[in-house]
Protein backbone atom coordinates (compact mmCIF):
# COMPACT_ATOMS: atom_id res chain seq x y z
CA UNK A 1 71.06 207.93 232.36
CA UNK A 2 74.41 205.74 232.26
CA UNK A 3 76.59 204.96 235.29
CA UNK A 4 79.21 202.46 234.12
CA UNK A 5 79.86 199.75 236.93
CA UNK A 6 83.78 199.58 236.12
CA UNK A 7 84.33 202.73 237.15
CA UNK A 8 84.64 204.97 239.98
CA UNK A 9 83.27 208.82 240.71
CA UNK A 10 83.53 211.74 242.85
CA UNK A 11 81.05 213.76 244.37
CA UNK A 12 82.35 216.65 241.82
CA UNK A 13 80.89 214.42 239.03
CA UNK A 14 84.00 213.40 237.40
CA UNK A 15 84.49 209.10 236.82
CA UNK A 16 87.88 207.67 236.65
CA UNK A 17 88.76 204.20 235.24
CA UNK A 18 92.41 202.80 236.64
CA UNK A 19 95.31 200.84 234.15
CA UNK A 20 98.18 200.04 236.70
CA UNK A 21 99.24 203.55 238.15
CA UNK A 22 97.56 205.42 234.96
CA UNK A 23 94.22 207.19 235.85
CA UNK A 24 91.92 208.29 232.65
CA UNK A 25 89.57 210.89 233.86
CA UNK A 26 86.19 212.49 232.45
CA UNK A 27 83.04 214.02 233.80
CA UNK A 28 80.05 211.81 234.26
CA UNK A 29 76.77 211.68 232.12
CA UNK A 30 75.32 213.09 234.62
CA UNK A 31 77.99 216.62 235.00
CA UNK A 32 77.57 216.84 230.81
CA UNK A 33 73.91 216.84 230.75
CA UNK A 34 73.45 219.16 234.28
CA UNK A 35 76.21 221.27 231.63
CA UNK A 36 74.44 221.33 228.75
CA UNK A 37 76.43 221.54 225.30
CA UNK A 38 79.78 221.79 226.17
CA UNK A 39 81.85 224.22 223.69
CA UNK A 40 85.39 224.12 225.12
CA UNK A 41 87.74 222.01 227.52
CA UNK A 42 90.54 223.62 229.15
CA UNK A 43 93.65 221.84 230.59
CA UNK A 44 96.51 223.62 231.46
CA UNK A 45 98.05 221.44 233.82
CA UNK A 46 99.07 218.85 231.09
CA UNK A 47 102.97 217.64 233.23
CA UNK A 48 102.23 218.90 236.27
CA UNK A 49 101.80 217.03 239.65
CA UNK A 50 98.66 217.76 241.78
CA UNK A 51 97.22 216.75 244.86
CA UNK A 52 93.95 215.30 245.26
CA UNK A 53 90.72 217.37 244.25
CA UNK A 54 93.09 220.41 243.07
CA UNK A 55 91.76 222.03 239.86
CA UNK A 56 93.15 220.48 236.58
CA UNK A 57 90.97 222.58 234.26
CA UNK A 58 87.69 223.42 233.40
CA UNK A 59 85.01 222.94 230.86
CA UNK A 60 82.97 225.79 229.21
CA UNK A 61 79.11 225.18 228.27
CA UNK A 62 76.90 227.47 226.93
CA UNK A 63 76.21 229.06 229.72
CA UNK A 64 78.34 228.42 232.06
CA UNK A 65 82.38 227.19 233.24
CA UNK A 66 82.80 224.44 235.46
CA UNK A 67 86.19 223.67 237.34
CA UNK A 68 87.32 220.18 236.91
CA UNK A 69 89.00 218.46 240.26
CA UNK A 70 91.37 215.49 240.06
CA UNK A 71 90.15 212.92 241.59
CA UNK A 72 93.58 211.11 242.41
CA UNK A 73 97.01 212.80 243.12
CA UNK A 74 99.89 212.51 240.59
CA UNK A 75 100.94 213.81 237.46
CA UNK A 76 98.48 214.75 234.98
CA UNK A 77 100.34 212.89 232.14
CA UNK A 78 97.94 213.09 228.78
CA UNK A 79 95.41 215.57 227.58
CA UNK A 80 92.94 214.30 224.88
CA UNK A 81 93.53 216.94 222.57
CA UNK A 82 90.80 215.86 220.14
CA UNK A 83 88.66 218.00 222.81
CA UNK A 84 90.12 221.27 221.56
CA UNK A 85 88.33 220.67 217.88
CA UNK A 86 85.55 218.65 218.93
CA UNK A 87 84.26 219.57 222.82
CA UNK A 88 81.14 218.31 222.15
CA UNK A 89 82.12 214.76 222.59
CA UNK A 90 82.00 215.13 226.43
CA UNK A 91 78.60 215.31 225.70
CA UNK A 92 78.00 212.42 223.18
CA UNK A 93 80.43 209.96 225.11
CA UNK A 94 81.21 211.19 228.25
CA UNK A 95 82.88 207.80 229.15
CA UNK A 96 84.62 206.88 226.10
CA UNK A 97 86.21 209.23 223.09
CA UNK A 98 85.06 212.02 225.84
CA UNK A 99 87.65 211.26 228.34
CA UNK A 100 89.92 214.51 229.45
CA UNK A 101 93.17 213.42 230.74
CA UNK A 102 95.68 210.35 232.24
CA UNK A 103 96.96 210.59 235.46
CA UNK A 104 100.46 209.17 236.84
CA UNK A 105 98.78 208.56 240.27
CA UNK A 106 100.79 208.87 243.02
CA UNK A 107 99.14 207.34 245.82
CA UNK A 108 97.07 204.37 244.85
CA UNK A 109 95.55 204.25 248.10
CA UNK A 110 93.07 207.24 247.20
CA UNK A 111 91.39 205.00 244.73
CA UNK A 112 89.31 203.01 247.25
CA UNK A 113 88.03 206.51 248.78
CA UNK A 114 86.38 207.04 245.62
CA UNK A 115 82.41 206.30 245.23
CA UNK A 116 81.47 203.08 243.39
CA UNK A 117 78.63 203.34 240.89
CA UNK A 118 75.69 202.76 243.49
CA UNK A 119 76.97 205.18 245.82
CA UNK A 120 77.36 207.93 243.09
CA UNK A 121 73.54 206.63 241.78
CA UNK A 122 72.53 207.55 245.52
CA UNK A 123 74.34 210.86 245.10
CA UNK A 124 72.60 212.10 242.12
CA UNK A 125 69.38 210.40 242.96
CA UNK A 126 69.16 207.88 239.92
């Protein structure tokens, strides 16, 4: 299982990278494996400001739909439009081309509350 050490993680299986005050968010390799074949990613919160842990979208797999929770408070400034036509990219490249949103964060201190790779591995029993 792929759990990059340069990212932060949430209990809800989102990953986060940070570049200045812009966070990139996606779901983890563990999450995409649990969901199975992803057929649709929906984010209707573009240009909205949300609090940490609010639902920012959903991911639909063949057998289930799962909410996506924002790991850091801020404004959703970009959605990965490529996922509209190729949602399966989340399965094949969850930490690269399968990213979901970019967020202009409003509270940098929340970054320190996220799990590092070791803590996330412990959470999922990896």
